[in-house]
Amino acid sequence: MKIELEVECVDKLVRAELKAVRMSLQGDLKRRKAGHGLSIFSTDKAEDIAEIKRHIDAFNTVLKYYG
């Protein structure tokens, strides 16, 4: 069975997933800063926080473009 989706539907799904991942990273950042979260990118807390912030900024940039 083949399902075809309109471009607008795919766009909406992709935007929703990008926002969900960004929200997840924001939660990771909050927990990591509080000392409760697990390492995501580095076992060094400061490096990990910096990298999480960079990823959040990247998601923000993409979402600004795609809305």
N, C-alpha and C. Protein backbone atom coordinates (compact mmCIF):
# COMPACT_ATOMS: atom_id res chain seq x y z
N MET A 1 0.85 -1.18 0.00
CA MET A 1 0.00 0.00 0.00
C MET A 1 0.89 1.24 0.00
N LYS A 2 0.61 2.14 -0.89
CA LYS A 2 1.38 3.36 -1.02
C LYS A 2 0.53 4.53 -0.54
N ILE A 3 1.15 5.35 0.31
CA ILE A 3 0.46 6.54 0.82
C ILE A 3 1.18 7.76 0.29
N GLU A 4 0.42 8.66 -0.26
CA GLU A 4 0.99 9.91 -0.74
C GLU A 4 0.52 11.04 0.15
N LEU A 5 1.47 11.87 0.54
CA LEU A 5 1.15 13.01 1.39
C LEU A 5 1.38 14.30 0.63
N GLU A 6 0.55 15.25 0.89
CA GLU A 6 0.74 16.57 0.31
C GLU A 6 1.98 17.21 0.93
N VAL A 7 2.64 18.05 0.18
CA VAL A 7 3.85 18.71 0.65
C VAL A 7 3.59 19.47 1.95
N GLU A 8 2.44 20.10 2.06
CA GLU A 8 2.10 20.86 3.26
C GLU A 8 2.04 19.95 4.49
N CYS A 9 1.55 18.73 4.31
CA CYS A 9 1.48 17.78 5.43
C CYS A 9 2.87 17.37 5.88
N VAL A 10 3.74 17.11 4.91
CA VAL A 10 5.11 16.72 5.23
C VAL A 10 5.81 17.88 5.93
N ASP A 11 5.64 19.08 5.42
CA ASP A 11 6.24 20.26 6.05
C ASP A 11 5.79 20.40 7.50
N LYS A 12 4.51 20.21 7.73
CA LYS A 12 3.96 20.34 9.09
C LYS A 12 4.54 19.26 10.01
N LEU A 13 4.66 18.05 9.51
CA LEU A 13 5.24 16.96 10.30
C LEU A 13 6.70 17.23 10.64
N VAL A 14 7.46 17.70 9.67
CA VAL A 14 8.88 17.99 9.90
C VAL A 14 9.03 19.13 10.90
N ARG A 15 8.25 20.19 10.74
CA ARG A 15 8.32 21.30 11.70
C ARG A 15 7.97 20.84 13.10
N ALA A 16 6.95 20.03 13.23
CA ALA A 16 6.54 19.53 14.55
C ALA A 16 7.66 18.70 15.18
N GLU A 17 8.31 17.87 14.39
CA GLU A 17 9.40 17.05 14.92
C GLU A 17 10.60 17.90 15.31
N LEU A 18 10.93 18.90 14.49
CA LEU A 18 12.03 19.81 14.83
C LEU A 18 11.74 20.52 16.16
N LYS A 19 10.51 20.97 16.34
CA LYS A 19 10.13 21.65 17.58
C LYS A 19 10.19 20.70 18.77
N ALA A 20 9.80 19.45 18.56
CA ALA A 20 9.83 18.47 19.65
C ALA A 20 11.27 18.17 20.07
N VAL A 21 12.15 18.04 19.10
CA VAL A 21 13.56 17.76 19.42
C VAL A 21 14.17 18.96 20.12
N ARG A 22 13.84 20.16 19.65
CA ARG A 22 14.35 21.37 20.31
C ARG A 22 13.87 21.43 21.76
N MET A 23 12.61 21.13 21.99
CA MET A 23 12.07 21.15 23.34
C MET A 23 12.77 20.10 24.21
N SER A 24 13.04 18.96 23.65
CA SER A 24 13.75 17.92 24.39
C SER A 24 15.14 18.38 24.77
N LEU A 25 15.84 19.02 23.84
CA LEU A 25 17.18 19.54 24.14
C LEU A 25 17.12 20.64 25.20
N GLN A 26 16.08 21.46 25.17
CA GLN A 26 15.94 22.50 26.18
C GLN A 26 15.75 21.89 27.56
N GLY A 27 15.00 20.79 27.63
CA GLY A 27 14.84 20.08 28.89
C GLY A 27 16.16 19.46 29.34
N ASP A 28 16.90 18.88 28.38
CA ASP A 28 18.22 18.32 28.70
C ASP A 28 19.14 19.39 29.25
N LEU A 29 19.10 20.56 28.63
CA LEU A 29 19.95 21.67 29.07
C LEU A 29 19.61 22.09 30.50
N LYS A 30 18.33 22.21 30.77
CA LYS A 30 17.89 22.60 32.12
C LYS A 30 18.35 21.59 33.16
N ARG A 31 18.16 20.31 32.85
CA ARG A 31 18.59 19.26 33.78
C ARG A 31 20.11 19.22 33.93
N ARG A 32 20.82 19.39 32.83
CA ARG A 32 22.29 19.34 32.86
C ARG A 32 22.84 20.49 33.70
N LYS A 33 22.26 21.68 33.53
CA LYS A 33 22.70 22.84 34.32
C LYS A 33 22.45 22.61 35.81
N ALA A 34 21.35 21.94 36.14
CA ALA A 34 21.01 21.68 37.54
C ALA A 34 21.81 20.51 38.12
N GLY A 35 22.56 19.83 37.26
CA GLY A 35 23.37 18.71 37.72
C GLY A 35 22.62 17.40 37.81
N HIS A 36 21.42 17.35 37.19
CA HIS A 36 20.61 16.14 37.26
C HIS A 36 20.60 15.35 35.95
N GLY A 37 20.96 15.98 34.88
CA GLY A 37 20.86 15.32 33.58
C GLY A 37 22.05 14.45 33.26
N LEU A 38 21.85 13.60 32.26
CA LEU A 38 22.92 12.75 31.77
C LEU A 38 23.73 13.49 30.71
N SER A 39 24.94 13.02 30.49
CA SER A 39 25.77 13.59 29.43
C SER A 39 25.12 13.32 28.09
N ILE A 40 25.10 14.32 27.25
CA ILE A 40 24.52 14.18 25.91
C ILE A 40 25.65 14.12 24.87
N PHE A 41 26.52 15.12 24.88
CA PHE A 41 27.60 15.21 23.90
C PHE A 41 28.99 15.05 24.51
N SER A 42 29.11 15.32 25.80
CA SER A 42 30.40 15.26 26.47
C SER A 42 30.19 14.94 27.94
N THR A 43 31.16 14.25 28.53
CA THR A 43 31.08 13.98 29.96
C THR A 43 31.49 15.20 30.77
N ASP A 44 32.17 16.15 30.13
CA ASP A 44 32.52 17.42 30.79
C ASP A 44 31.27 18.30 30.79
N LYS A 45 30.83 18.69 31.97
CA LYS A 45 29.56 19.43 32.10
C LYS A 45 29.56 20.72 31.29
N ALA A 46 30.61 21.51 31.40
CA ALA A 46 30.67 22.80 30.68
C ALA A 46 30.65 22.59 29.17
N GLU A 47 31.41 21.62 28.69
CA GLU A 47 31.43 21.32 27.25
C GLU A 47 30.06 20.83 26.79
N ASP A 48 29.44 19.99 27.59
CA ASP A 48 28.13 19.44 27.25
C ASP A 48 27.10 20.55 27.16
N ILE A 49 27.08 21.43 28.13
CA ILE A 49 26.14 22.55 28.13
C ILE A 49 26.34 23.43 26.90
N ALA A 50 27.60 23.72 26.58
CA ALA A 50 27.90 24.55 25.40
C ALA A 50 27.42 23.88 24.11
N GLU A 51 27.63 22.57 24.00
CA GLU A 51 27.22 21.86 22.79
C GLU A 51 25.70 21.76 22.69
N ILE A 52 25.04 21.54 23.80
CA ILE A 52 23.56 21.51 23.80
C ILE A 52 23.04 22.87 23.34
N LYS A 53 23.62 23.95 23.85
CA LYS A 53 23.21 25.31 23.43
C LYS A 53 23.42 25.50 21.94
N ARG A 54 24.56 25.01 21.41
CA ARG A 54 24.81 25.15 19.97
C ARG A 54 23.75 24.41 19.16
N HIS A 55 23.37 23.24 19.62
CA HIS A 55 22.35 22.47 18.90
C HIS A 55 20.98 23.18 18.98
N ILE A 56 20.64 23.71 20.13
CA ILE A 56 19.39 24.46 20.26
C ILE A 56 19.40 25.66 19.31
N ASP A 57 20.51 26.37 19.26
CA ASP A 57 20.63 27.52 18.34
C ASP A 57 20.46 27.08 16.89
N ALA A 58 21.02 25.92 16.55
CA ALA A 58 20.89 25.41 15.18
C ALA A 58 19.42 25.09 14.86
N PHE A 59 18.73 24.46 15.80
CA PHE A 59 17.30 24.18 15.59
C PHE A 59 16.52 25.49 15.46
N ASN A 60 16.87 26.49 16.27
CA ASN A 60 16.20 27.80 16.17
C ASN A 60 16.40 28.41 14.79
N THR A 61 17.62 28.31 14.26
CA THR A 61 17.91 28.85 12.93
C THR A 61 17.08 28.15 11.86
N VAL A 62 17.04 26.83 11.90
CA VAL A 62 16.27 26.07 10.92
C VAL A 62 14.79 26.39 11.03
N LEU A 63 14.29 26.48 12.27
CA LEU A 63 12.86 26.77 12.45
C LEU A 63 12.51 28.20 12.02
N LYS A 64 13.44 29.14 12.16
CA LYS A 64 13.17 30.49 11.66
C LYS A 64 13.00 30.47 10.14
N TYR A 65 13.79 29.65 9.49
CA TYR A 65 13.71 29.57 8.02
C TYR A 65 12.43 28.86 7.58
N TYR A 66 12.12 27.73 8.20
CA TYR A 66 10.98 26.92 7.79
C TYR A 66 9.68 27.25 8.50
N GLY A 67 9.79 28.12 9.52
CA GLY A 67 8.60 28.59 10.21
C GLY A 67 8.07 27.64 11.19
